[in-house]
Amino acid sequence: DRLLTKVAATGVDLRTVVWVKEFL
């Protein structure tokens, strides 16, 4: 959850963050 929060804060498209979340 902390990793995903940091990834989202870097300007990555939110759909990518959701994909990574579902992957992990």
PDBML (XML) file of the C-alpha atoms, coordinates in Angstrom:
<?xml version="1.0" encoding="UTF-8" ?>
<PDBx:datablock datablockName="MODEL"
   xmlns:PDBx="http://pdbml.pdb.org/schema/pdbx-v50.xsd"
   xmlns:xsi="http://www.w3.org/2001/XMLSchema-instance"
   xsi:schemaLocation="http://pdbml.pdb.org/schema/pdbx-v50.xsd pdbx-v50.xsd">
   <PDBx:atom_siteCategory>
      <PDBx:atom_site id="1">
         <PDBx:B_iso_or_equiv>0.00</PDBx:B_iso_or_equiv>
         <PDBx:Cartn_x>0.000</PDBx:Cartn_x>
         <PDBx:Cartn_y>0.000</PDBx:Cartn_y>
         <PDBx:Cartn_z>0.000</PDBx:Cartn_z>
         <PDBx:auth_asym_id>A</PDBx:auth_asym_id>
         <PDBx:auth_atom_id>CA</PDBx:auth_atom_id>
         <PDBx:auth_comp_id>ASP</PDBx:auth_comp_id>
         <PDBx:auth_seq_id>1</PDBx:auth_seq_id>
         <PDBx:group_PDB>ATOM</PDBx:group_PDB>
         <PDBx:label_alt_id xsi:nil="true" />
         <PDBx:label_asym_id>A</PDBx:label_asym_id>
         <PDBx:label_atom_id>CA</PDBx:label_atom_id>
         <PDBx:label_comp_id>ASP</PDBx:label_comp_id>
         <PDBx:label_entity_id>1</PDBx:label_entity_id>
         <PDBx:label_seq_id>1</PDBx:label_seq_id>
         <PDBx:occupancy>1.00</PDBx:occupancy>
         <PDBx:pdbx_PDB_model_num>1</PDBx:pdbx_PDB_model_num>
         <PDBx:type_symbol>C</PDBx:type_symbol>
      </PDBx:atom_site>
      <PDBx:atom_site id="2">
         <PDBx:B_iso_or_equiv>0.00</PDBx:B_iso_or_equiv>
         <PDBx:Cartn_x>2.863</PDBx:Cartn_x>
         <PDBx:Cartn_y>2.402</PDBx:Cartn_y>
         <PDBx:Cartn_z>0.763</PDBx:Cartn_z>
         <PDBx:auth_asym_id>A</PDBx:auth_asym_id>
         <PDBx:auth_atom_id>CA</PDBx:auth_atom_id>
         <PDBx:auth_comp_id>ARG</PDBx:auth_comp_id>
         <PDBx:auth_seq_id>2</PDBx:auth_seq_id>
         <PDBx:group_PDB>ATOM</PDBx:group_PDB>
         <PDBx:label_alt_id xsi:nil="true" />
         <PDBx:label_asym_id>A</PDBx:label_asym_id>
         <PDBx:label_atom_id>CA</PDBx:label_atom_id>
         <PDBx:label_comp_id>ARG</PDBx:label_comp_id>
         <PDBx:label_entity_id>1</PDBx:label_entity_id>
         <PDBx:label_seq_id>2</PDBx:label_seq_id>
         <PDBx:occupancy>1.00</PDBx:occupancy>
         <PDBx:pdbx_PDB_model_num>1</PDBx:pdbx_PDB_model_num>
         <PDBx:type_symbol>C</PDBx:type_symbol>
      </PDBx:atom_site>
      <PDBx:atom_site id="3">
         <PDBx:B_iso_or_equiv>0.00</PDBx:B_iso_or_equiv>
         <PDBx:Cartn_x>4.590</PDBx:Cartn_x>
         <PDBx:Cartn_y>1.484</PDBx:Cartn_y>
         <PDBx:Cartn_z>-2.504</PDBx:Cartn_z>
         <PDBx:auth_asym_id>A</PDBx:auth_asym_id>
         <PDBx:auth_atom_id>CA</PDBx:auth_atom_id>
         <PDBx:auth_comp_id>LEU</PDBx:auth_comp_id>
         <PDBx:auth_seq_id>3</PDBx:auth_seq_id>
         <PDBx:group_PDB>ATOM</PDBx:group_PDB>
         <PDBx:label_alt_id xsi:nil="true" />
         <PDBx:label_asym_id>A</PDBx:label_asym_id>
         <PDBx:label_atom_id>CA</PDBx:label_atom_id>
         <PDBx:label_comp_id>LEU</PDBx:label_comp_id>
         <PDBx:label_entity_id>1</PDBx:label_entity_id>
         <PDBx:label_seq_id>3</PDBx:label_seq_id>
         <PDBx:occupancy>1.00</PDBx:occupancy>
         <PDBx:pdbx_PDB_model_num>1</PDBx:pdbx_PDB_model_num>
         <PDBx:type_symbol>C</PDBx:type_symbol>
      </PDBx:atom_site>
      <PDBx:atom_site id="4">
         <PDBx:B_iso_or_equiv>0.00</PDBx:B_iso_or_equiv>
         <PDBx:Cartn_x>1.409</PDBx:Cartn_x>
         <PDBx:Cartn_y>2.126</PDBx:Cartn_y>
         <PDBx:Cartn_z>-4.505</PDBx:Cartn_z>
         <PDBx:auth_asym_id>A</PDBx:auth_asym_id>
         <PDBx:auth_atom_id>CA</PDBx:auth_atom_id>
         <PDBx:auth_comp_id>LEU</PDBx:auth_comp_id>
         <PDBx:auth_seq_id>4</PDBx:auth_seq_id>
         <PDBx:group_PDB>ATOM</PDBx:group_PDB>
         <PDBx:label_alt_id xsi:nil="true" />
         <PDBx:label_asym_id>A</PDBx:label_asym_id>
         <PDBx:label_atom_id>CA</PDBx:label_atom_id>
         <PDBx:label_comp_id>LEU</PDBx:label_comp_id>
         <PDBx:label_entity_id>1</PDBx:label_entity_id>
         <PDBx:label_seq_id>4</PDBx:label_seq_id>
         <PDBx:occupancy>1.00</PDBx:occupancy>
         <PDBx:pdbx_PDB_model_num>1</PDBx:pdbx_PDB_model_num>
         <PDBx:type_symbol>C</PDBx:type_symbol>
      </PDBx:atom_site>
      <PDBx:atom_site id="5">
         <PDBx:B_iso_or_equiv>0.00</PDBx:B_iso_or_equiv>
         <PDBx:Cartn_x>0.868</PDBx:Cartn_x>
         <PDBx:Cartn_y>5.488</PDBx:Cartn_y>
         <PDBx:Cartn_z>-2.787</PDBx:Cartn_z>
         <PDBx:auth_asym_id>A</PDBx:auth_asym_id>
         <PDBx:auth_atom_id>CA</PDBx:auth_atom_id>
         <PDBx:auth_comp_id>THR</PDBx:auth_comp_id>
         <PDBx:auth_seq_id>5</PDBx:auth_seq_id>
         <PDBx:group_PDB>ATOM</PDBx:group_PDB>
         <PDBx:label_alt_id xsi:nil="true" />
         <PDBx:label_asym_id>A</PDBx:label_asym_id>
         <PDBx:label_atom_id>CA</PDBx:label_atom_id>
         <PDBx:label_comp_id>THR</PDBx:label_comp_id>
         <PDBx:label_entity_id>1</PDBx:label_entity_id>
         <PDBx:label_seq_id>5</PDBx:label_seq_id>
         <PDBx:occupancy>1.00</PDBx:occupancy>
         <PDBx:pdbx_PDB_model_num>1</PDBx:pdbx_PDB_model_num>
         <PDBx:type_symbol>C</PDBx:type_symbol>
      </PDBx:atom_site>
      <PDBx:atom_site id="6">
         <PDBx:B_iso_or_equiv>0.00</PDBx:B_iso_or_equiv>
         <PDBx:Cartn_x>4.391</PDBx:Cartn_x>
         <PDBx:Cartn_y>6.563</PDBx:Cartn_y>
         <PDBx:Cartn_z>-3.754</PDBx:Cartn_z>
         <PDBx:auth_asym_id>A</PDBx:auth_asym_id>
         <PDBx:auth_atom_id>CA</PDBx:auth_atom_id>
         <PDBx:auth_comp_id>LYS</PDBx:auth_comp_id>
         <PDBx:auth_seq_id>6</PDBx:auth_seq_id>
         <PDBx:group_PDB>ATOM</PDBx:group_PDB>
         <PDBx:label_alt_id xsi:nil="true" />
         <PDBx:label_asym_id>A</PDBx:label_asym_id>
         <PDBx:label_atom_id>CA</PDBx:label_atom_id>
         <PDBx:label_comp_id>LYS</PDBx:label_comp_id>
         <PDBx:label_entity_id>1</PDBx:label_entity_id>
         <PDBx:label_seq_id>6</PDBx:label_seq_id>
         <PDBx:occupancy>1.00</PDBx:occupancy>
         <PDBx:pdbx_PDB_model_num>1</PDBx:pdbx_PDB_model_num>
         <PDBx:type_symbol>C</PDBx:type_symbol>
      </PDBx:atom_site>
      <PDBx:atom_site id="7">
         <PDBx:B_iso_or_equiv>0.00</PDBx:B_iso_or_equiv>
         <PDBx:Cartn_x>3.999</PDBx:Cartn_x>
         <PDBx:Cartn_y>5.318</PDBx:Cartn_y>
         <PDBx:Cartn_z>-7.330</PDBx:Cartn_z>
         <PDBx:auth_asym_id>A</PDBx:auth_asym_id>
         <PDBx:auth_atom_id>CA</PDBx:auth_atom_id>
         <PDBx:auth_comp_id>VAL</PDBx:auth_comp_id>
         <PDBx:auth_seq_id>7</PDBx:auth_seq_id>
         <PDBx:group_PDB>ATOM</PDBx:group_PDB>
         <PDBx:label_alt_id xsi:nil="true" />
         <PDBx:label_asym_id>A</PDBx:label_asym_id>
         <PDBx:label_atom_id>CA</PDBx:label_atom_id>
         <PDBx:label_comp_id>VAL</PDBx:label_comp_id>
         <PDBx:label_entity_id>1</PDBx:label_entity_id>
         <PDBx:label_seq_id>7</PDBx:label_seq_id>
         <PDBx:occupancy>1.00</PDBx:occupancy>
         <PDBx:pdbx_PDB_model_num>1</PDBx:pdbx_PDB_model_num>
         <PDBx:type_symbol>C</PDBx:type_symbol>
      </PDBx:atom_site>
      <PDBx:atom_site id="8">
         <PDBx:B_iso_or_equiv>0.00</PDBx:B_iso_or_equiv>
         <PDBx:Cartn_x>0.722</PDBx:Cartn_x>
         <PDBx:Cartn_y>7.253</PDBx:Cartn_y>
         <PDBx:Cartn_z>-7.666</PDBx:Cartn_z>
         <PDBx:auth_asym_id>A</PDBx:auth_asym_id>
         <PDBx:auth_atom_id>CA</PDBx:auth_atom_id>
         <PDBx:auth_comp_id>ALA</PDBx:auth_comp_id>
         <PDBx:auth_seq_id>8</PDBx:auth_seq_id>
         <PDBx:group_PDB>ATOM</PDBx:group_PDB>
         <PDBx:label_alt_id xsi:nil="true" />
         <PDBx:label_asym_id>A</PDBx:label_asym_id>
         <PDBx:label_atom_id>CA</PDBx:label_atom_id>
         <PDBx:label_comp_id>ALA</PDBx:label_comp_id>
         <PDBx:label_entity_id>1</PDBx:label_entity_id>
         <PDBx:label_seq_id>8</PDBx:label_seq_id>
         <PDBx:occupancy>1.00</PDBx:occupancy>
         <PDBx:pdbx_PDB_model_num>1</PDBx:pdbx_PDB_model_num>
         <PDBx:type_symbol>C</PDBx:type_symbol>
      </PDBx:atom_site>
      <PDBx:atom_site id="9">
         <PDBx:B_iso_or_equiv>0.00</PDBx:B_iso_or_equiv>
         <PDBx:Cartn_x>2.441</PDBx:Cartn_x>
         <PDBx:Cartn_y>10.419</PDBx:Cartn_y>
         <PDBx:Cartn_z>-6.390</PDBx:Cartn_z>
         <PDBx:auth_asym_id>A</PDBx:auth_asym_id>
         <PDBx:auth_atom_id>CA</PDBx:auth_atom_id>
         <PDBx:auth_comp_id>ALA</PDBx:auth_comp_id>
         <PDBx:auth_seq_id>9</PDBx:auth_seq_id>
         <PDBx:group_PDB>ATOM</PDBx:group_PDB>
         <PDBx:label_alt_id xsi:nil="true" />
         <PDBx:label_asym_id>A</PDBx:label_asym_id>
         <PDBx:label_atom_id>CA</PDBx:label_atom_id>
         <PDBx:label_comp_id>ALA</PDBx:label_comp_id>
         <PDBx:label_entity_id>1</PDBx:label_entity_id>
         <PDBx:label_seq_id>9</PDBx:label_seq_id>
         <PDBx:occupancy>1.00</PDBx:occupancy>
         <PDBx:pdbx_PDB_model_num>1</PDBx:pdbx_PDB_model_num>
         <PDBx:type_symbol>C</PDBx:type_symbol>
      </PDBx:atom_site>
      <PDBx:atom_site id="10">
         <PDBx:B_iso_or_equiv>0.00</PDBx:B_iso_or_equiv>
         <PDBx:Cartn_x>4.993</PDBx:Cartn_x>
         <PDBx:Cartn_y>10.297</PDBx:Cartn_y>
         <PDBx:Cartn_z>-9.229</PDBx:Cartn_z>
         <PDBx:auth_asym_id>A</PDBx:auth_asym_id>
         <PDBx:auth_atom_id>CA</PDBx:auth_atom_id>
         <PDBx:auth_comp_id>THR</PDBx:auth_comp_id>
         <PDBx:auth_seq_id>10</PDBx:auth_seq_id>
         <PDBx:group_PDB>ATOM</PDBx:group_PDB>
         <PDBx:label_alt_id xsi:nil="true" />
         <PDBx:label_asym_id>A</PDBx:label_asym_id>
         <PDBx:label_atom_id>CA</PDBx:label_atom_id>
         <PDBx:label_comp_id>THR</PDBx:label_comp_id>
         <PDBx:label_entity_id>1</PDBx:label_entity_id>
         <PDBx:label_seq_id>10</PDBx:label_seq_id>
         <PDBx:occupancy>1.00</PDBx:occupancy>
         <PDBx:pdbx_PDB_model_num>1</PDBx:pdbx_PDB_model_num>
         <PDBx:type_symbol>C</PDBx:type_symbol>
      </PDBx:atom_site>
      <PDBx:atom_site id="11">
         <PDBx:B_iso_or_equiv>0.00</PDBx:B_iso_or_equiv>
         <PDBx:Cartn_x>2.489</PDBx:Cartn_x>
         <PDBx:Cartn_y>11.284</PDBx:Cartn_y>
         <PDBx:Cartn_z>-11.913</PDBx:Cartn_z>
         <PDBx:auth_asym_id>A</PDBx:auth_asym_id>
         <PDBx:auth_atom_id>CA</PDBx:auth_atom_id>
         <PDBx:auth_comp_id>GLY</PDBx:auth_comp_id>
         <PDBx:auth_seq_id>11</PDBx:auth_seq_id>
         <PDBx:group_PDB>ATOM</PDBx:group_PDB>
         <PDBx:label_alt_id xsi:nil="true" />
         <PDBx:label_asym_id>A</PDBx:label_asym_id>
         <PDBx:label_atom_id>CA</PDBx:label_atom_id>
         <PDBx:label_comp_id>GLY</PDBx:label_comp_id>
         <PDBx:label_entity_id>1</PDBx:label_entity_id>
         <PDBx:label_seq_id>11</PDBx:label_seq_id>
         <PDBx:occupancy>1.00</PDBx:occupancy>
         <PDBx:pdbx_PDB_model_num>1</PDBx:pdbx_PDB_model_num>
         <PDBx:type_symbol>C</PDBx:type_symbol>
      </PDBx:atom_site>
      <PDBx:atom_site id="12">
         <PDBx:B_iso_or_equiv>0.00</PDBx:B_iso_or_equiv>
         <PDBx:Cartn_x>1.836</PDBx:Cartn_x>
         <PDBx:Cartn_y>7.817</PDBx:Cartn_y>
         <PDBx:Cartn_z>-13.277</PDBx:Cartn_z>
         <PDBx:auth_asym_id>A</PDBx:auth_asym_id>
         <PDBx:auth_atom_id>CA</PDBx:auth_atom_id>
         <PDBx:auth_comp_id>VAL</PDBx:auth_comp_id>
         <PDBx:auth_seq_id>12</PDBx:auth_seq_id>
         <PDBx:group_PDB>ATOM</PDBx:group_PDB>
         <PDBx:label_alt_id xsi:nil="true" />
         <PDBx:label_asym_id>A</PDBx:label_asym_id>
         <PDBx:label_atom_id>CA</PDBx:label_atom_id>
         <PDBx:label_comp_id>VAL</PDBx:label_comp_id>
         <PDBx:label_entity_id>1</PDBx:label_entity_id>
         <PDBx:label_seq_id>12</PDBx:label_seq_id>
         <PDBx:occupancy>1.00</PDBx:occupancy>
         <PDBx:pdbx_PDB_model_num>1</PDBx:pdbx_PDB_model_num>
         <PDBx:type_symbol>C</PDBx:type_symbol>
      </PDBx:atom_site>
      <PDBx:atom_site id="13">
         <PDBx:B_iso_or_equiv>0.00</PDBx:B_iso_or_equiv>
         <PDBx:Cartn_x>-1.558</PDBx:Cartn_x>
         <PDBx:Cartn_y>7.266</PDBx:Cartn_y>
         <PDBx:Cartn_z>-14.912</PDBx:Cartn_z>
         <PDBx:auth_asym_id>A</PDBx:auth_asym_id>
         <PDBx:auth_atom_id>CA</PDBx:auth_atom_id>
         <PDBx:auth_comp_id>ASP</PDBx:auth_comp_id>
         <PDBx:auth_seq_id>13</PDBx:auth_seq_id>
         <PDBx:group_PDB>ATOM</PDBx:group_PDB>
         <PDBx:label_alt_id xsi:nil="true" />
         <PDBx:label_asym_id>A</PDBx:label_asym_id>
         <PDBx:label_atom_id>CA</PDBx:label_atom_id>
         <PDBx:label_comp_id>ASP</PDBx:label_comp_id>
         <PDBx:label_entity_id>1</PDBx:label_entity_id>
         <PDBx:label_seq_id>13</PDBx:label_seq_id>
         <PDBx:occupancy>1.00</PDBx:occupancy>
         <PDBx:pdbx_PDB_model_num>1</PDBx:pdbx_PDB_model_num>
         <PDBx:type_symbol>C</PDBx:type_symbol>
      </PDBx:atom_site>
      <PDBx:atom_site id="14">
         <PDBx:B_iso_or_equiv>0.00</PDBx:B_iso_or_equiv>
         <PDBx:Cartn_x>-3.988</PDBx:Cartn_x>
         <PDBx:Cartn_y>6.038</PDBx:Cartn_y>
         <PDBx:Cartn_z>-12.252</PDBx:Cartn_z>
         <PDBx:auth_asym_id>A</PDBx:auth_asym_id>
         <PDBx:auth_atom_id>CA</PDBx:auth_atom_id>
         <PDBx:auth_comp_id>LEU</PDBx:auth_comp_id>
         <PDBx:auth_seq_id>14</PDBx:auth_seq_id>
         <PDBx:group_PDB>ATOM</PDBx:group_PDB>
         <PDBx:label_alt_id xsi:nil="true" />
         <PDBx:label_asym_id>A</PDBx:label_asym_id>
         <PDBx:label_atom_id>CA</PDBx:label_atom_id>
         <PDBx:label_comp_id>LEU</PDBx:label_comp_id>
         <PDBx:label_entity_id>1</PDBx:label_entity_id>
         <PDBx:label_seq_id>14</PDBx:label_seq_id>
         <PDBx:occupancy>1.00</PDBx:occupancy>
         <PDBx:pdbx_PDB_model_num>1</PDBx:pdbx_PDB_model_num>
         <PDBx:type_symbol>C</PDBx:type_symbol>
      </PDBx:atom_site>
      <PDBx:atom_site id="15">
         <PDBx:B_iso_or_equiv>0.00</PDBx:B_iso_or_equiv>
         <PDBx:Cartn_x>-5.014</PDBx:Cartn_x>
         <PDBx:Cartn_y>3.052</PDBx:Cartn_y>
         <PDBx:Cartn_z>-14.402</PDBx:Cartn_z>
         <PDBx:auth_asym_id>A</PDBx:auth_asym_id>
         <PDBx:auth_atom_id>CA</PDBx:auth_atom_id>
         <PDBx:auth_comp_id>ARG</PDBx:auth_comp_id>
         <PDBx:auth_seq_id>15</PDBx:auth_seq_id>
         <PDBx:group_PDB>ATOM</PDBx:group_PDB>
         <PDBx:label_alt_id xsi:nil="true" />
         <PDBx:label_asym_id>A</PDBx:label_asym_id>
         <PDBx:label_atom_id>CA</PDBx:label_atom_id>
         <PDBx:label_comp_id>ARG</PDBx:label_comp_id>
         <PDBx:label_entity_id>1</PDBx:label_entity_id>
         <PDBx:label_seq_id>15</PDBx:label_seq_id>
         <PDBx:occupancy>1.00</PDBx:occupancy>
         <PDBx:pdbx_PDB_model_num>1</PDBx:pdbx_PDB_model_num>
         <PDBx:type_symbol>C</PDBx:type_symbol>
      </PDBx:atom_site>
      <PDBx:atom_site id="16">
         <PDBx:B_iso_or_equiv>0.00</PDBx:B_iso_or_equiv>
         <PDBx:Cartn_x>-1.423</PDBx:Cartn_x>
         <PDBx:Cartn_y>1.837</PDBx:Cartn_y>
         <PDBx:Cartn_z>-14.238</PDBx:Cartn_z>
         <PDBx:auth_asym_id>A</PDBx:auth_asym_id>
         <PDBx:auth_atom_id>CA</PDBx:auth_atom_id>
         <PDBx:auth_comp_id>THR</PDBx:auth_comp_id>
         <PDBx:auth_seq_id>16</PDBx:auth_seq_id>
         <PDBx:group_PDB>ATOM</PDBx:group_PDB>
         <PDBx:label_alt_id xsi:nil="true" />
         <PDBx:label_asym_id>A</PDBx:label_asym_id>
         <PDBx:label_atom_id>CA</PDBx:label_atom_id>
         <PDBx:label_comp_id>THR</PDBx:label_comp_id>
         <PDBx:label_entity_id>1</PDBx:label_entity_id>
         <PDBx:label_seq_id>16</PDBx:label_seq_id>
         <PDBx:occupancy>1.00</PDBx:occupancy>
         <PDBx:pdbx_PDB_model_num>1</PDBx:pdbx_PDB_model_num>
         <PDBx:type_symbol>C</PDBx:type_symbol>
      </PDBx:atom_site>
      <PDBx:atom_site id="17">
         <PDBx:B_iso_or_equiv>0.00</PDBx:B_iso_or_equiv>
         <PDBx:Cartn_x>-1.397</PDBx:Cartn_x>
         <PDBx:Cartn_y>2.151</PDBx:Cartn_y>
         <PDBx:Cartn_z>-10.450</PDBx:Cartn_z>
         <PDBx:auth_asym_id>A</PDBx:auth_asym_id>
         <PDBx:auth_atom_id>CA</PDBx:auth_atom_id>
         <PDBx:auth_comp_id>VAL</PDBx:auth_comp_id>
         <PDBx:auth_seq_id>17</PDBx:auth_seq_id>
         <PDBx:group_PDB>ATOM</PDBx:group_PDB>
         <PDBx:label_alt_id xsi:nil="true" />
         <PDBx:label_asym_id>A</PDBx:label_asym_id>
         <PDBx:label_atom_id>CA</PDBx:label_atom_id>
         <PDBx:label_comp_id>VAL</PDBx:label_comp_id>
         <PDBx:label_entity_id>1</PDBx:label_entity_id>
         <PDBx:label_seq_id>17</PDBx:label_seq_id>
         <PDBx:occupancy>1.00</PDBx:occupancy>
         <PDBx:pdbx_PDB_model_num>1</PDBx:pdbx_PDB_model_num>
         <PDBx:type_symbol>C</PDBx:type_symbol>
      </PDBx:atom_site>
      <PDBx:atom_site id="18">
         <PDBx:B_iso_or_equiv>0.00</PDBx:B_iso_or_equiv>
         <PDBx:Cartn_x>-4.608</PDBx:Cartn_x>
         <PDBx:Cartn_y>0.086</PDBx:Cartn_y>
         <PDBx:Cartn_z>-10.307</PDBx:Cartn_z>
         <PDBx:auth_asym_id>A</PDBx:auth_asym_id>
         <PDBx:auth_atom_id>CA</PDBx:auth_atom_id>
         <PDBx:auth_comp_id>VAL</PDBx:auth_comp_id>
         <PDBx:auth_seq_id>18</PDBx:auth_seq_id>
         <PDBx:group_PDB>ATOM</PDBx:group_PDB>
         <PDBx:label_alt_id xsi:nil="true" />
         <PDBx:label_asym_id>A</PDBx:label_asym_id>
         <PDBx:label_atom_id>CA</PDBx:label_atom_id>
         <PDBx:label_comp_id>VAL</PDBx:label_comp_id>
         <PDBx:label_entity_id>1</PDBx:label_entity_id>
         <PDBx:label_seq_id>18</PDBx:label_seq_id>
         <PDBx:occupancy>1.00</PDBx:occupancy>
         <PDBx:pdbx_PDB_model_num>1</PDBx:pdbx_PDB_model_num>
         <PDBx:type_symbol>C</PDBx:type_symbol>
      </PDBx:atom_site>
      <PDBx:atom_site id="19">
         <PDBx:B_iso_or_equiv>0.00</PDBx:B_iso_or_equiv>
         <PDBx:Cartn_x>-3.049</PDBx:Cartn_x>
         <PDBx:Cartn_y>-2.536</PDBx:Cartn_y>
         <PDBx:Cartn_z>-12.610</PDBx:Cartn_z>
         <PDBx:auth_asym_id>A</PDBx:auth_asym_id>
         <PDBx:auth_atom_id>CA</PDBx:auth_atom_id>
         <PDBx:auth_comp_id>TRP</PDBx:auth_comp_id>
         <PDBx:auth_seq_id>19</PDBx:auth_seq_id>
         <PDBx:group_PDB>ATOM</PDBx:group_PDB>
         <PDBx:label_alt_id xsi:nil="true" />
         <PDBx:label_asym_id>A</PDBx:label_asym_id>
         <PDBx:label_atom_id>CA</PDBx:label_atom_id>
         <PDBx:label_comp_id>TRP</PDBx:label_comp_id>
         <PDBx:label_entity_id>1</PDBx:label_entity_id>
         <PDBx:label_seq_id>19</PDBx:label_seq_id>
         <PDBx:occupancy>1.00</PDBx:occupancy>
         <PDBx:pdbx_PDB_model_num>1</PDBx:pdbx_PDB_model_num>
         <PDBx:type_symbol>C</PDBx:type_symbol>
      </PDBx:atom_site>
      <PDBx:atom_site id="20">
         <PDBx:B_iso_or_equiv>0.00</PDBx:B_iso_or_equiv>
         <PDBx:Cartn_x>0.042</PDBx:Cartn_x>
         <PDBx:Cartn_y>-2.802</PDBx:Cartn_y>
         <PDBx:Cartn_z>-10.409</PDBx:Cartn_z>
         <PDBx:auth_asym_id>A</PDBx:auth_asym_id>
         <PDBx:auth_atom_id>CA</PDBx:auth_atom_id>
         <PDBx:auth_comp_id>VAL</PDBx:auth_comp_id>
         <PDBx:auth_seq_id>20</PDBx:auth_seq_id>
         <PDBx:group_PDB>ATOM</PDBx:group_PDB>
         <PDBx:label_alt_id xsi:nil="true" />
         <PDBx:label_asym_id>A</PDBx:label_asym_id>
         <PDBx:label_atom_id>CA</PDBx:label_atom_id>
         <PDBx:label_comp_id>VAL</PDBx:label_comp_id>
         <PDBx:label_entity_id>1</PDBx:label_entity_id>
         <PDBx:label_seq_id>20</PDBx:label_seq_id>
         <PDBx:occupancy>1.00</PDBx:occupancy>
         <PDBx:pdbx_PDB_model_num>1</PDBx:pdbx_PDB_model_num>
         <PDBx:type_symbol>C</PDBx:type_symbol>
      </PDBx:atom_site>
      <PDBx:atom_site id="21">
         <PDBx:B_iso_or_equiv>0.00</PDBx:B_iso_or_equiv>
         <PDBx:Cartn_x>-2.197</PDBx:Cartn_x>
         <PDBx:Cartn_y>-3.040</PDBx:Cartn_y>
         <PDBx:Cartn_z>-7.323</PDBx:Cartn_z>
         <PDBx:auth_asym_id>A</PDBx:auth_asym_id>
         <PDBx:auth_atom_id>CA</PDBx:auth_atom_id>
         <PDBx:auth_comp_id>LYS</PDBx:auth_comp_id>
         <PDBx:auth_seq_id>21</PDBx:auth_seq_id>
         <PDBx:group_PDB>ATOM</PDBx:group_PDB>
         <PDBx:label_alt_id xsi:nil="true" />
         <PDBx:label_asym_id>A</PDBx:label_asym_id>
         <PDBx:label_atom_id>CA</PDBx:label_atom_id>
         <PDBx:label_comp_id>LYS</PDBx:label_comp_id>
         <PDBx:label_entity_id>1</PDBx:label_entity_id>
         <PDBx:label_seq_id>21</PDBx:label_seq_id>
         <PDBx:occupancy>1.00</PDBx:occupancy>
         <PDBx:pdbx_PDB_model_num>1</PDBx:pdbx_PDB_model_num>
         <PDBx:type_symbol>C</PDBx:type_symbol>
      </PDBx:atom_site>
      <PDBx:atom_site id="22">
         <PDBx:B_iso_or_equiv>0.00</PDBx:B_iso_or_equiv>
         <PDBx:Cartn_x>-4.213</PDBx:Cartn_x>
         <PDBx:Cartn_y>-5.864</PDBx:Cartn_y>
         <PDBx:Cartn_z>-8.839</PDBx:Cartn_z>
         <PDBx:auth_asym_id>A</PDBx:auth_asym_id>
         <PDBx:auth_atom_id>CA</PDBx:auth_atom_id>
         <PDBx:auth_comp_id>GLU</PDBx:auth_comp_id>
         <PDBx:auth_seq_id>22</PDBx:auth_seq_id>
         <PDBx:group_PDB>ATOM</PDBx:group_PDB>
         <PDBx:label_alt_id xsi:nil="true" />
         <PDBx:label_asym_id>A</PDBx:label_asym_id>
         <PDBx:label_atom_id>CA</PDBx:label_atom_id>
         <PDBx:label_comp_id>GLU</PDBx:label_comp_id>
         <PDBx:label_entity_id>1</PDBx:label_entity_id>
         <PDBx:label_seq_id>22</PDBx:label_seq_id>
         <PDBx:occupancy>1.00</PDBx:occupancy>
         <PDBx:pdbx_PDB_model_num>1</PDBx:pdbx_PDB_model_num>
         <PDBx:type_symbol>C</PDBx:type_symbol>
      </PDBx:atom_site>
      <PDBx:atom_site id="23">
         <PDBx:B_iso_or_equiv>0.00</PDBx:B_iso_or_equiv>
         <PDBx:Cartn_x>-0.980</PDBx:Cartn_x>
         <PDBx:Cartn_y>-7.557</PDBx:Cartn_y>
         <PDBx:Cartn_z>-9.938</PDBx:Cartn_z>
         <PDBx:auth_asym_id>A</PDBx:auth_asym_id>
         <PDBx:auth_atom_id>CA</PDBx:auth_atom_id>
         <PDBx:auth_comp_id>PHE</PDBx:auth_comp_id>
         <PDBx:auth_seq_id>23</PDBx:auth_seq_id>
         <PDBx:group_PDB>ATOM</PDBx:group_PDB>
         <PDBx:label_alt_id xsi:nil="true" />
         <PDBx:label_asym_id>A</PDBx:label_asym_id>
         <PDBx:label_atom_id>CA</PDBx:label_atom_id>
         <PDBx:label_comp_id>PHE</PDBx:label_comp_id>
         <PDBx:label_entity_id>1</PDBx:label_entity_id>
         <PDBx:label_seq_id>23</PDBx:label_seq_id>
         <PDBx:occupancy>1.00</PDBx:occupancy>
         <PDBx:pdbx_PDB_model_num>1</PDBx:pdbx_PDB_model_num>
         <PDBx:type_symbol>C</PDBx:type_symbol>
      </PDBx:atom_site>
      <PDBx:atom_site id="24">
         <PDBx:B_iso_or_equiv>0.00</PDBx:B_iso_or_equiv>
         <PDBx:Cartn_x>0.514</PDBx:Cartn_x>
         <PDBx:Cartn_y>-7.453</PDBx:Cartn_y>
         <PDBx:Cartn_z>-6.429</PDBx:Cartn_z>
         <PDBx:auth_asym_id>A</PDBx:auth_asym_id>
         <PDBx:auth_atom_id>CA</PDBx:auth_atom_id>
         <PDBx:auth_comp_id>LEU</PDBx:auth_comp_id>
         <PDBx:auth_seq_id>24</PDBx:auth_seq_id>
         <PDBx:group_PDB>ATOM</PDBx:group_PDB>
         <PDBx:label_alt_id xsi:nil="true" />
         <PDBx:label_asym_id>A</PDBx:label_asym_id>
         <PDBx:label_atom_id>CA</PDBx:label_atom_id>
         <PDBx:label_comp_id>LEU</PDBx:label_comp_id>
         <PDBx:label_entity_id>1</PDBx:label_entity_id>
         <PDBx:label_seq_id>24</PDBx:label_seq_id>
         <PDBx:occupancy>1.00</PDBx:occupancy>
         <PDBx:pdbx_PDB_model_num>1</PDBx:pdbx_PDB_model_num>
         <PDBx:type_symbol>C</PDBx:type_symbol>
      </PDBx:atom_site>
   </PDBx:atom_siteCategory>
</PDBx:datablock>
